[in-house]
């Protein structure tokens, strides 16, 4: 059985390893990422309407959109990370006003 970790445990573990890095906030880059995310999300919605949709591809598109937006959001806290689990742990802990459903 895989041991599940809390966002706090993941964050602390990756922080100790030095995986989180300093990042600059580039508002132009954030805007570009937002435009691409909207385009990709709309394309994913269009794929769902196909007669025989490939849900693996659709899932991957939406996951990548969420990950990219979270990556840009993280930059508002002047941080970056390439580890997806660490990214989402950071977002959960540092942006408690967001409500995930």
PDB file of N, CA and C in Angstrom:
ATOM      1  N   UNK A   1       0.842  -1.173   0.000  1.00  0.00           N
ATOM      2  CA  UNK A   1       0.000   0.000   0.000  1.00  0.00           C
ATOM      3  C   UNK A   1       0.894   1.246   0.000  1.00  0.00           C
ATOM      4  N   UNK A   2       0.515   2.234  -0.801  1.00  0.00           N
ATOM      5  CA  UNK A   2       1.254   3.485  -0.900  1.00  0.00           C
ATOM      6  C   UNK A   2       0.846   4.386   0.259  1.00  0.00           C
ATOM      7  N   UNK A   3       1.850   4.892   0.951  1.00  0.00           N
ATOM      8  CA  UNK A   3       1.582   5.805   2.061  1.00  0.00           C
ATOM      9  C   UNK A   3       1.271   7.186   1.500  1.00  0.00           C
ATOM     10  N   UNK A   4       0.114   7.703   1.851  1.00  0.00           N
ATOM     11  CA  UNK A   4      -0.263   9.032   1.401  1.00  0.00           C
ATOM     12  C   UNK A   4       0.332  10.083   2.325  1.00  0.00           C
ATOM     13  N   UNK A   5       0.751  11.186   1.717  1.00  0.00           N
ATOM     14  CA  UNK A   5       1.330  12.288   2.479  1.00  0.00           C
ATOM     15  C   UNK A   5       0.404  13.492   2.372  1.00  0.00           C
ATOM     16  N   UNK A   6       0.414  14.293   3.410  1.00  0.00           N
ATOM     17  CA  UNK A   6      -0.365  15.525   3.391  1.00  0.00           C
ATOM     18  C   UNK A   6       0.402  16.581   2.594  1.00  0.00           C
ATOM     19  N   UNK A   7      -0.282  17.608   2.141  1.00  0.00           N
ATOM     20  CA  UNK A   7       0.434  18.696   1.464  1.00  0.00           C
ATOM     21  C   UNK A   7       1.550  19.275   2.340  1.00  0.00           C
ATOM     22  N   UNK A   8       1.300  19.396   3.641  1.00  0.00           N
ATOM     23  CA  UNK A   8       2.308  19.922   4.560  1.00  0.00           C
ATOM     24  C   UNK A   8       3.549  19.026   4.588  1.00  0.00           C
ATOM     25  N   UNK A   9       3.346  17.712   4.632  1.00  0.00           N
ATOM     26  CA  UNK A   9       4.473  16.777   4.645  1.00  0.00           C
ATOM     27  C   UNK A   9       5.275  16.870   3.353  1.00  0.00           C
ATOM     28  N   UNK A  10       4.582  16.959   2.241  1.00  0.00           N
ATOM     29  CA  UNK A  10       5.255  17.067   0.939  1.00  0.00           C
ATOM     30  C   UNK A  10       6.059  18.362   0.887  1.00  0.00           C
ATOM     31  N   UNK A  11       5.429  19.453   1.290  1.00  0.00           N
ATOM     32  CA  UNK A  11       6.091  20.757   1.269  1.00  0.00           C
ATOM     33  C   UNK A  11       7.354  20.754   2.143  1.00  0.00           C
ATOM     34  N   UNK A  12       7.228  20.247   3.340  1.00  0.00           N
ATOM     35  CA  UNK A  12       8.378  20.218   4.254  1.00  0.00           C
ATOM     36  C   UNK A  12       9.503  19.342   3.710  1.00  0.00           C
ATOM     37  N   UNK A  13       9.146  18.184   3.179  1.00  0.00           N
ATOM     38  CA  UNK A  13      10.155  17.266   2.634  1.00  0.00           C
ATOM     39  C   UNK A  13      10.907  17.904   1.466  1.00  0.00           C
ATOM     40  N   UNK A  14      10.166  18.490   0.536  1.00  0.00           N
ATOM     41  CA  UNK A  14      10.806  19.090  -0.636  1.00  0.00           C
ATOM     42  C   UNK A  14      11.564  20.365  -0.272  1.00  0.00           C
ATOM     43  N   UNK A  15      11.093  21.086   0.732  1.00  0.00           N
ATOM     44  CA  UNK A  15      11.817  22.277   1.197  1.00  0.00           C
ATOM     45  C   UNK A  15      13.168  21.885   1.773  1.00  0.00           C
ATOM     46  N   UNK A  16      13.181  20.820   2.561  1.00  0.00           N
ATOM     47  CA  UNK A  16      14.441  20.351   3.147  1.00  0.00           C
ATOM     48  C   UNK A  16      15.428  19.926   2.057  1.00  0.00           C
ATOM     49  N   UNK A  17      14.899  19.374   0.978  1.00  0.00           N
ATOM     50  CA  UNK A  17      15.751  18.937  -0.128  1.00  0.00           C
ATOM     51  C   UNK A  17      16.184  20.107  -1.014  1.00  0.00           C
ATOM     52  N   UNK A  18      15.618  21.275  -0.791  1.00  0.00           N
ATOM     53  CA  UNK A  18      15.969  22.453  -1.587  1.00  0.00           C
ATOM     54  C   UNK A  18      15.371  22.437  -2.982  1.00  0.00           C
ATOM     55  N   UNK A  19      14.261  21.760  -3.144  1.00  0.00           N
ATOM     56  CA  UNK A  19      13.637  21.627  -4.464  1.00  0.00           C
ATOM     57  C   UNK A  19      12.913  22.909  -4.882  1.00  0.00           C
ATOM     58  N   UNK A  20      12.355  23.632  -3.917  1.00  0.00           N
ATOM     59  CA  UNK A  20      11.711  24.904  -4.242  1.00  0.00           C
ATOM     60  C   UNK A  20      12.792  25.931  -4.551  1.00  0.00           C
ATOM     61  N   UNK A  21      12.590  26.698  -5.611  1.00  0.00           N
ATOM     62  CA  UNK A  21      13.583  27.671  -6.049  1.00  0.00           C
ATOM     63  C   UNK A  21      12.966  29.058  -6.112  1.00  0.00           C
ATOM     64  N   UNK A  22      13.839  30.066  -6.029  1.00  0.00           N
ATOM     65  CA  UNK A  22      13.374  31.440  -6.204  1.00  0.00           C
ATOM     66  C   UNK A  22      13.045  31.680  -7.663  1.00  0.00           C
ATOM     67  N   UNK A  23      12.006  32.481  -7.885  1.00  0.00           N
ATOM     68  CA  UNK A  23      11.597  32.792  -9.253  1.00  0.00           C
ATOM     69  C   UNK A  23      11.165  34.245  -9.327  1.00  0.00           C
ATOM     70  N   UNK A  24      11.309  34.810 -10.495  1.00  0.00           N
ATOM     71  CA  UNK A  24      10.835  36.168 -10.735  1.00  0.00           C
ATOM     72  C   UNK A  24       9.409  36.127 -11.258  1.00  0.00           C
ATOM     73  N   UNK A  25       8.685  37.186 -10.986  1.00  0.00           N
ATOM     74  CA  UNK A  25       7.341  37.326 -11.519  1.00  0.00           C
ATOM     75  C   UNK A  25       7.414  38.170 -12.781  1.00  0.00           C
ATOM     76  N   UNK A  26       7.109  37.546 -13.903  1.00  0.00           N
ATOM     77  CA  UNK A  26       7.101  38.227 -15.193  1.00  0.00           C
ATOM     78  C   UNK A  26       5.643  38.301 -15.636  1.00  0.00           C
ATOM     79  N   UNK A  27       5.051  39.488 -15.510  1.00  0.00           N
ATOM     80  CA  UNK A  27       3.621  39.629 -15.801  1.00  0.00           C
ATOM     81  C   UNK A  27       3.291  39.335 -17.260  1.00  0.00           C
ATOM     82  N   UNK A  28       4.202  39.606 -18.176  1.00  0.00           N
ATOM     83  CA  UNK A  28       3.975  39.267 -19.584  1.00  0.00           C
ATOM     84  C   UNK A  28       3.904  37.748 -19.758  1.00  0.00           C
ATOM     85  N   UNK A  29       4.794  37.040 -19.070  1.00  0.00           N
ATOM     86  CA  UNK A  29       4.796  35.576 -19.128  1.00  0.00           C
ATOM     87  C   UNK A  29       3.507  35.003 -18.526  1.00  0.00           C
ATOM     88  N   UNK A  30       3.053  35.597 -17.447  1.00  0.00           N
ATOM     89  CA  UNK A  30       1.797  35.163 -16.817  1.00  0.00           C
ATOM     90  C   UNK A  30       0.637  35.356 -17.795  1.00  0.00           C
ATOM     91  N   UNK A  31       0.614  36.484 -18.452  1.00  0.00           N
ATOM     92  CA  UNK A  31      -0.470  36.772 -19.408  1.00  0.00           C
ATOM     93  C   UNK A  31      -0.437  35.789 -20.580  1.00  0.00           C
ATOM     94  N   UNK A  32       0.765  35.505 -21.102  1.00  0.00           N
ATOM     95  CA  UNK A  32       0.886  34.529 -22.194  1.00  0.00           C
ATOM     96  C   UNK A  32       0.407  33.151 -21.753  1.00  0.00           C
ATOM     97  N   UNK A  33       0.821  32.748 -20.560  1.00  0.00           N
ATOM     98  CA  UNK A  33       0.415  31.436 -20.043  1.00  0.00           C
ATOM     99  C   UNK A  33      -1.099  31.363 -19.887  1.00  0.00           C
ATOM    100  N   UNK A  34      -1.700  32.449 -19.449  1.00  0.00           N
ATOM    101  CA  UNK A  34      -3.160  32.493 -19.292  1.00  0.00           C
ATOM    102  C   UNK A  34      -3.858  32.328 -20.640  1.00  0.00           C
ATOM    103  N   UNK A  35      -3.375  33.028 -21.659  1.00  0.00           N
ATOM    104  CA  UNK A  35      -3.964  32.931 -23.001  1.00  0.00           C
ATOM    105  C   UNK A  35      -3.851  31.501 -23.527  1.00  0.00           C
ATOM    106  N   UNK A  36      -2.673  30.899 -23.391  1.00  0.00           N
ATOM    107  CA  UNK A  36      -2.483  29.519 -23.852  1.00  0.00           C
ATOM    108  C   UNK A  36      -3.369  28.553 -23.070  1.00  0.00           C
ATOM    109  N   UNK A  37      -3.492  28.770 -21.774  1.00  0.00           N
ATOM    110  CA  UNK A  37      -4.320  27.891 -20.940  1.00  0.00           C
ATOM    111  C   UNK A  37      -5.781  27.954 -21.375  1.00  0.00           C
ATOM    112  N   UNK A  38      -6.269  29.142 -21.670  1.00  0.00           N
ATOM    113  CA  UNK A  38      -7.658  29.291 -22.128  1.00  0.00           C
ATOM    114  C   UNK A  38      -7.838  28.580 -23.464  1.00  0.00           C
ATOM    115  N   UNK A  39      -6.901  28.766 -24.381  1.00  0.00           N
ATOM    116  CA  UNK A  39      -6.976  28.107 -25.688  1.00  0.00           C
ATOM    117  C   UNK A  39      -6.966  26.585 -25.532  1.00  0.00           C
ATOM    118  N   UNK A  40      -6.065  26.082 -24.705  1.00  0.00           N
ATOM    119  CA  UNK A  40      -5.955  24.638 -24.506  1.00  0.00           C
ATOM    120  C   UNK A  40      -7.213  24.074 -23.858  1.00  0.00           C
ATOM    121  N   UNK A  41      -7.748  24.796 -22.885  1.00  0.00           N
ATOM    122  CA  UNK A  41      -8.956  24.346 -22.204  1.00  0.00           C
ATOM    123  C   UNK A  41     -10.131  24.290 -23.183  1.00  0.00           C
ATOM    124  N   UNK A  42     -10.256  25.298 -24.017  1.00  0.00           N
ATOM    125  CA  UNK A  42     -11.327  25.313 -25.020  1.00  0.00           C
ATOM    126  C   UNK A  42     -11.163  24.158 -26.010  1.00  0.00           C
ATOM    127  N   UNK A  43      -9.923  23.860 -26.378  1.00  0.00           N
ATOM    128  CA  UNK A  43      -9.673  22.734 -27.276  1.00  0.00           C
ATOM    129  C   UNK A  43     -10.068  21.414 -26.601  1.00  0.00           C
ATOM    130  N   UNK A  44      -9.739  21.275 -25.329  1.00  0.00           N
ATOM    131  CA  UNK A  44     -10.136  20.078 -24.587  1.00  0.00           C
ATOM    132  C   UNK A  44     -11.641  19.922 -24.538  1.00  0.00           C
ATOM    133  N   UNK A  45     -12.351  21.021 -24.364  1.00  0.00           N
ATOM    134  CA  UNK A  45     -13.825  20.976 -24.354  1.00  0.00           C
ATOM    135  C   UNK A  45     -14.354  20.541 -25.711  1.00  0.00           C
ATOM    136  N   UNK A  46     -13.711  21.039 -26.776  1.00  0.00           N
ATOM    137  CA  UNK A  46     -14.134  20.675 -28.134  1.00  0.00           C
ATOM    138  C   UNK A  46     -13.917  19.184 -28.384  1.00  0.00           C
ATOM    139  N   UNK A  47     -12.805  18.640 -27.873  1.00  0.00           N
ATOM    140  CA  UNK A  47     -12.521  17.216 -28.059  1.00  0.00           C
ATOM    141  C   UNK A  47     -13.576  16.332 -27.389  1.00  0.00           C
ATOM    142  N   UNK A  48     -14.124  16.800 -26.273  1.00  0.00           N
ATOM    143  CA  UNK A  48     -15.146  16.021 -25.571  1.00  0.00           C
ATOM    144  C   UNK A  48     -16.400  15.830 -26.410  1.00  0.00           C
ATOM    145  N   UNK A  49     -16.607  16.714 -27.378  1.00  0.00           N
ATOM    146  CA  UNK A  49     -17.817  16.641 -28.213  1.00  0.00           C
ATOM    147  C   UNK A  49     -17.657  15.688 -29.396  1.00  0.00           C
ATOM    148  N   UNK A  50     -16.446  15.172 -29.603  1.00  0.00           N
ATOM    149  CA  UNK A  50     -16.223  14.214 -30.690  1.00  0.00           C
ATOM    150  C   UNK A  50     -17.079  12.977 -30.493  1.00  0.00           C
ATOM    151  N   UNK A  51     -17.324  12.266 -31.586  1.00  0.00           N
ATOM    152  CA  UNK A  51     -18.105  11.024 -31.513  1.00  0.00           C
ATOM    153  C   UNK A  51     -17.401   9.954 -30.687  1.00  0.00           C
ATOM    154  N   UNK A  52     -16.095   9.892 -30.784  1.00  0.00           N
ATOM    155  CA  UNK A  52     -15.322   8.894 -30.053  1.00  0.00           C
ATOM    156  C   UNK A  52     -14.154   9.601 -29.355  1.00  0.00           C
ATOM    157  N   UNK A  53     -14.429  10.369 -28.278  1.00  0.00           N
ATOM    158  CA  UNK A  53     -13.368  11.159 -27.650  1.00  0.00           C
ATOM    159  C   UNK A  53     -12.325  10.294 -26.950  1.00  0.00           C
ATOM    160  N   UNK A  54     -11.094  10.746 -27.010  1.00  0.00           N
ATOM    161  CA  UNK A  54     -10.004  10.082 -26.318  1.00  0.00           C
ATOM    162  C   UNK A  54      -9.852  10.770 -24.965  1.00  0.00           C
ATOM    163  N   UNK A  55     -10.412  10.160 -23.926  1.00  0.00           N
ATOM    164  CA  UNK A  55     -10.449  10.809 -22.620  1.00  0.00           C
ATOM    165  C   UNK A  55      -9.073  10.914 -21.967  1.00  0.00           C
ATOM    166  N   UNK A  56      -8.140  10.080 -22.353  1.00  0.00           N
ATOM    167  CA  UNK A  56      -6.784  10.209 -21.829  1.00  0.00           C
ATOM    168  C   UNK A  56      -6.174  11.519 -22.308  1.00  0.00           C
ATOM    169  N   UNK A  57      -6.346  11.834 -23.569  1.00  0.00           N
ATOM    170  CA  UNK A  57      -5.831  13.079 -24.138  1.00  0.00           C
ATOM    171  C   UNK A  57      -6.541  14.277 -23.507  1.00  0.00           C
ATOM    172  N   UNK A  58      -7.850  14.180 -23.359  1.00  0.00           N
ATOM    173  CA  UNK A  58      -8.627  15.264 -22.758  1.00  0.00           C
ATOM    174  C   UNK A  58      -8.176  15.505 -21.323  1.00  0.00           C
ATOM    175  N   UNK A  59      -7.999  14.439 -20.560  1.00  0.00           N
ATOM    176  CA  UNK A  59      -7.516  14.574 -19.183  1.00  0.00           C
ATOM    177  C   UNK A  59      -6.153  15.252 -19.157  1.00  0.00           C
ATOM    178  N   UNK A  60      -5.244  14.815 -20.028  1.00  0.00           N
ATOM    179  CA  UNK A  60      -3.891  15.379 -20.061  1.00  0.00           C
ATOM    180  C   UNK A  60      -3.908  16.872 -20.395  1.00  0.00           C
ATOM    181  N   UNK A  61      -4.778  17.270 -21.307  1.00  0.00           N
ATOM    182  CA  UNK A  61      -4.886  18.691 -21.650  1.00  0.00           C
ATOM    183  C   UNK A  61      -5.319  19.489 -20.423  1.00  0.00           C
ATOM    184  N   UNK A  62      -6.367  19.021 -19.760  1.00  0.00           N
ATOM    185  CA  UNK A  62      -6.879  19.760 -18.600  1.00  0.00           C
ATOM    186  C   UNK A  62      -5.889  19.744 -17.433  1.00  0.00           C
ATOM    187  N   UNK A  63      -5.203  18.630 -17.253  1.00  0.00           N
ATOM    188  CA  UNK A  63      -4.181  18.573 -16.191  1.00  0.00           C
ATOM    189  C   UNK A  63      -3.065  19.570 -16.473  1.00  0.00           C
ATOM    190  N   UNK A  64      -2.607  19.614 -17.725  1.00  0.00           N
ATOM    191  CA  UNK A  64      -1.533  20.538 -18.083  1.00  0.00           C
ATOM    192  C   UNK A  64      -1.958  21.999 -17.909  1.00  0.00           C
ATOM    193  N   UNK A  65      -3.210  22.290 -18.214  1.00  0.00           N
ATOM    194  CA  UNK A  65      -3.729  23.646 -18.011  1.00  0.00           C
ATOM    195  C   UNK A  65      -3.694  23.996 -16.524  1.00  0.00           C
ATOM    196  N   UNK A  66      -4.198  23.100 -15.688  1.00  0.00           N
ATOM    197  CA  UNK A  66      -4.208  23.337 -14.246  1.00  0.00           C
ATOM    198  C   UNK A  66      -2.785  23.503 -13.719  1.00  0.00           C
ATOM    199  N   UNK A  67      -1.884  22.638 -14.148  1.00  0.00           N
ATOM    200  CA  UNK A  67      -0.502  22.707 -13.687  1.00  0.00           C
ATOM    201  C   UNK A  67       0.155  24.016 -14.106  1.00  0.00           C
ATOM    202  N   UNK A  68      -0.046  24.429 -15.334  1.00  0.00           N
ATOM    203  CA  UNK A  68       0.571  25.666 -15.817  1.00  0.00           C
ATOM    204  C   UNK A  68       0.021  26.880 -15.076  1.00  0.00           C
ATOM    205  N   UNK A  69      -1.276  26.916 -14.846  1.00  0.00           N
ATOM    206  CA  UNK A  69      -1.849  28.043 -14.109  1.00  0.00           C
ATOM    207  C   UNK A  69      -1.340  28.077 -12.668  1.00  0.00           C
ATOM    208  N   UNK A  70      -1.214  26.912 -12.050  1.00  0.00           N
ATOM    209  CA  UNK A  70      -0.670  26.851 -10.689  1.00  0.00           C
ATOM    210  C   UNK A  70       0.795  27.275 -10.672  1.00  0.00           C
ATOM    211  N   UNK A  71       1.536  26.888 -11.693  1.00  0.00           N
ATOM    212  CA  UNK A  71       2.934  27.300 -11.796  1.00  0.00           C
ATOM    213  C   UNK A  71       3.038  28.819 -11.856  1.00  0.00           C
ATOM    214  N   UNK A  72       2.186  29.440 -12.645  1.00  0.00           N
ATOM    215  CA  UNK A  72       2.207  30.901 -12.743  1.00  0.00           C
ATOM    216  C   UNK A  72       1.745  31.545 -11.434  1.00  0.00           C
ATOM    217  N   UNK A  73       0.759  30.962 -10.787  1.00  0.00           N
ATOM    218  CA  UNK A  73       0.282  31.469  -9.505  1.00  0.00           C
ATOM    219  C   UNK A  73       1.400  31.414  -8.459  1.00  0.00           C
ATOM    220  N   UNK A  74       2.164  30.350  -8.495  1.00  0.00           N
ATOM    221  CA  UNK A  74       3.272  30.181  -7.563  1.00  0.00           C
ATOM    222  C   UNK A  74       4.302  31.304  -7.704  1.00  0.00           C
ATOM    223  N   UNK A  75       4.447  31.809  -8.893  1.00  0.00           N
ATOM    224  CA  UNK A  75       5.420  32.878  -9.139  1.00  0.00           C
ATOM    225  C   UNK A  75       5.040  34.182  -8.446  1.00  0.00           C
ATOM    226  N   UNK A  76       3.763  34.325  -8.114  1.00  0.00           N
ATOM    227  CA  UNK A  76       3.358  35.504  -7.352  1.00  0.00           C
ATOM    228  C   UNK A  76       3.938  35.457  -5.941  1.00  0.00           C
ATOM    229  N   UNK A  77       4.331  34.268  -5.501  1.00  0.00           N
ATOM    230  CA  UNK A  77       5.008  34.107  -4.211  1.00  0.00           C
ATOM    231  C   UNK A  77       6.517  33.993  -4.409  1.00  0.00           C
ATOM    232  N   UNK A  78       6.975  34.294  -5.655  1.00  0.00           N
ATOM    233  CA  UNK A  78       8.406  34.299  -6.003  1.00  0.00           C
ATOM    234  C   UNK A  78       9.063  32.924  -5.848  1.00  0.00           C
ATOM    235  N   UNK A  79       8.313  31.871  -6.192  1.00  0.00           N
ATOM    236  CA  UNK A  79       8.816  30.510  -6.090  1.00  0.00           C
ATOM    237  C   UNK A  79       8.511  29.737  -7.367  1.00  0.00           C
ATOM    238  N   UNK A  80       9.282  28.673  -7.582  1.00  0.00           N
ATOM    239  CA  UNK A  80       9.013  27.745  -8.680  1.00  0.00           C
ATOM    240  C   UNK A  80       9.500  26.362  -8.278  1.00  0.00           C
ATOM    241  N   UNK A  81       8.958  25.362  -8.982  1.00  0.00           N
ATOM    242  CA  UNK A  81       9.344  23.971  -8.728  1.00  0.00           C
ATOM    243  C   UNK A  81       8.944  23.154  -9.955  1.00  0.00           C
ATOM    244  N   UNK A  82       9.728  22.147 -10.277  1.00  0.00           N
ATOM    245  CA  UNK A  82       9.382  21.292 -11.419  1.00  0.00           C
ATOM    246  C   UNK A  82       8.604  20.052 -10.975  1.00  0.00           C
ATOM    247  N   UNK A  83       8.584  19.776  -9.689  1.00  0.00           N
ATOM    248  CA  UNK A  83       7.886  18.619  -9.131  1.00  0.00           C
ATOM    249  C   UNK A  83       6.391  18.937  -9.020  1.00  0.00           C
ATOM    250  N   UNK A  84       5.559  18.159  -9.715  1.00  0.00           N
ATOM    251  CA  UNK A  84       4.122  18.430  -9.738  1.00  0.00           C
ATOM    252  C   UNK A  84       3.495  18.304  -8.360  1.00  0.00           C
ATOM    253  N   UNK A  85       3.868  17.289  -7.630  1.00  0.00           N
ATOM    254  CA  UNK A  85       3.315  17.085  -6.293  1.00  0.00           C
ATOM    255  C   UNK A  85       3.679  18.272  -5.395  1.00  0.00           C
ATOM    256  N   UNK A  86       4.897  18.726  -5.502  1.00  0.00           N
ATOM    257  CA  UNK A  86       5.346  19.873  -4.731  1.00  0.00           C
ATOM    258  C   UNK A  86       4.629  21.154  -5.138  1.00  0.00           C
ATOM    259  N   UNK A  87       4.347  21.285  -6.418  1.00  0.00           N
ATOM    260  CA  UNK A  87       3.616  22.443  -6.926  1.00  0.00           C
ATOM    261  C   UNK A  87       2.234  22.519  -6.295  1.00  0.00           C
ATOM    262  N   UNK A  88       1.497  21.408  -6.347  1.00  0.00           N
ATOM    263  CA  UNK A  88       0.138  21.416  -5.824  1.00  0.00           C
ATOM    264  C   UNK A  88       0.124  21.530  -4.299  1.00  0.00           C
ATOM    265  N   UNK A  89       1.099  20.956  -3.623  1.00  0.00           N
ATOM    266  CA  UNK A  89       1.195  21.113  -2.169  1.00  0.00           C
ATOM    267  C   UNK A  89       1.399  22.585  -1.830  1.00  0.00           C
ATOM    268  N   UNK A  90       2.273  23.253  -2.553  1.00  0.00           N
ATOM    269  CA  UNK A  90       2.540  24.674  -2.340  1.00  0.00           C
ATOM    270  C   UNK A  90       1.266  25.496  -2.526  1.00  0.00           C
ATOM    271  N   UNK A  91       0.542  25.237  -3.602  1.00  0.00           N
ATOM    272  CA  UNK A  91      -0.687  25.989  -3.894  1.00  0.00           C
ATOM    273  C   UNK A  91      -1.708  25.788  -2.779  1.00  0.00           C
ATOM    274  N   UNK A  92      -1.879  24.563  -2.338  1.00  0.00           N
ATOM    275  CA  UNK A  92      -2.842  24.276  -1.272  1.00  0.00           C
ATOM    276  C   UNK A  92      -2.465  25.017   0.004  1.00  0.00           C
ATOM    277  N   UNK A  93      -1.186  25.020   0.348  1.00  0.00           N
ATOM    278  CA  UNK A  93      -0.744  25.635   1.599  1.00  0.00           C
ATOM    279  C   UNK A  93      -0.647  27.155   1.540  1.00  0.00           C
ATOM    280  N   UNK A  94      -0.210  27.688   0.423  1.00  0.00           N
ATOM    281  CA  UNK A  94       0.067  29.124   0.343  1.00  0.00           C
ATOM    282  C   UNK A  94      -1.100  29.953  -0.182  1.00  0.00           C
ATOM    283  N   UNK A  95      -2.121  29.281  -0.705  1.00  0.00           N
ATOM    284  CA  UNK A  95      -3.302  29.975  -1.219  1.00  0.00           C
ATOM    285  C   UNK A  95      -4.564  29.349  -0.618  1.00  0.00           C
ATOM    286  N   UNK A  96      -4.716  29.457   0.697  1.00  0.00           N
ATOM    287  CA  UNK A  96      -5.867  28.808   1.357  1.00  0.00           C
ATOM    288  C   UNK A  96      -7.216  29.373   0.928  1.00  0.00           C
ATOM    289  N   UNK A  97      -7.207  30.567   0.322  1.00  0.00           N
ATOM    290  CA  UNK A  97      -8.459  31.164  -0.142  1.00  0.00           C
ATOM    291  C   UNK A  97      -9.043  30.442  -1.352  1.00  0.00           C
ATOM    292  N   UNK A  98      -8.219  29.639  -2.029  1.00  0.00           N
ATOM    293  CA  UNK A  98      -8.715  28.852  -3.160  1.00  0.00           C
ATOM    294  C   UNK A  98      -9.482  27.654  -2.624  1.00  0.00           C
ATOM    295  N   UNK A  99     -10.586  27.364  -3.237  1.00  0.00           N
ATOM    296  CA  UNK A  99     -11.421  26.241  -2.799  1.00  0.00           C
ATOM    297  C   UNK A  99     -11.389  25.158  -3.869  1.00  0.00           C
ATOM    298  N   UNK A 100     -10.713  24.066  -3.593  1.00  0.00           N
ATOM    299  CA  UNK A 100     -10.653  22.964  -4.543  1.00  0.00           C
ATOM    300  C   UNK A 100     -11.853  22.061  -4.348  1.00  0.00           C
ATOM    301  N   UNK A 101     -12.468  21.665  -5.448  1.00  0.00           N
ATOM    302  CA  UNK A 101     -13.593  20.737  -5.362  1.00  0.00           C
ATOM    303  C   UNK A 101     -13.384  19.563  -6.291  1.00  0.00           C
TER     304      UNK A 101
END
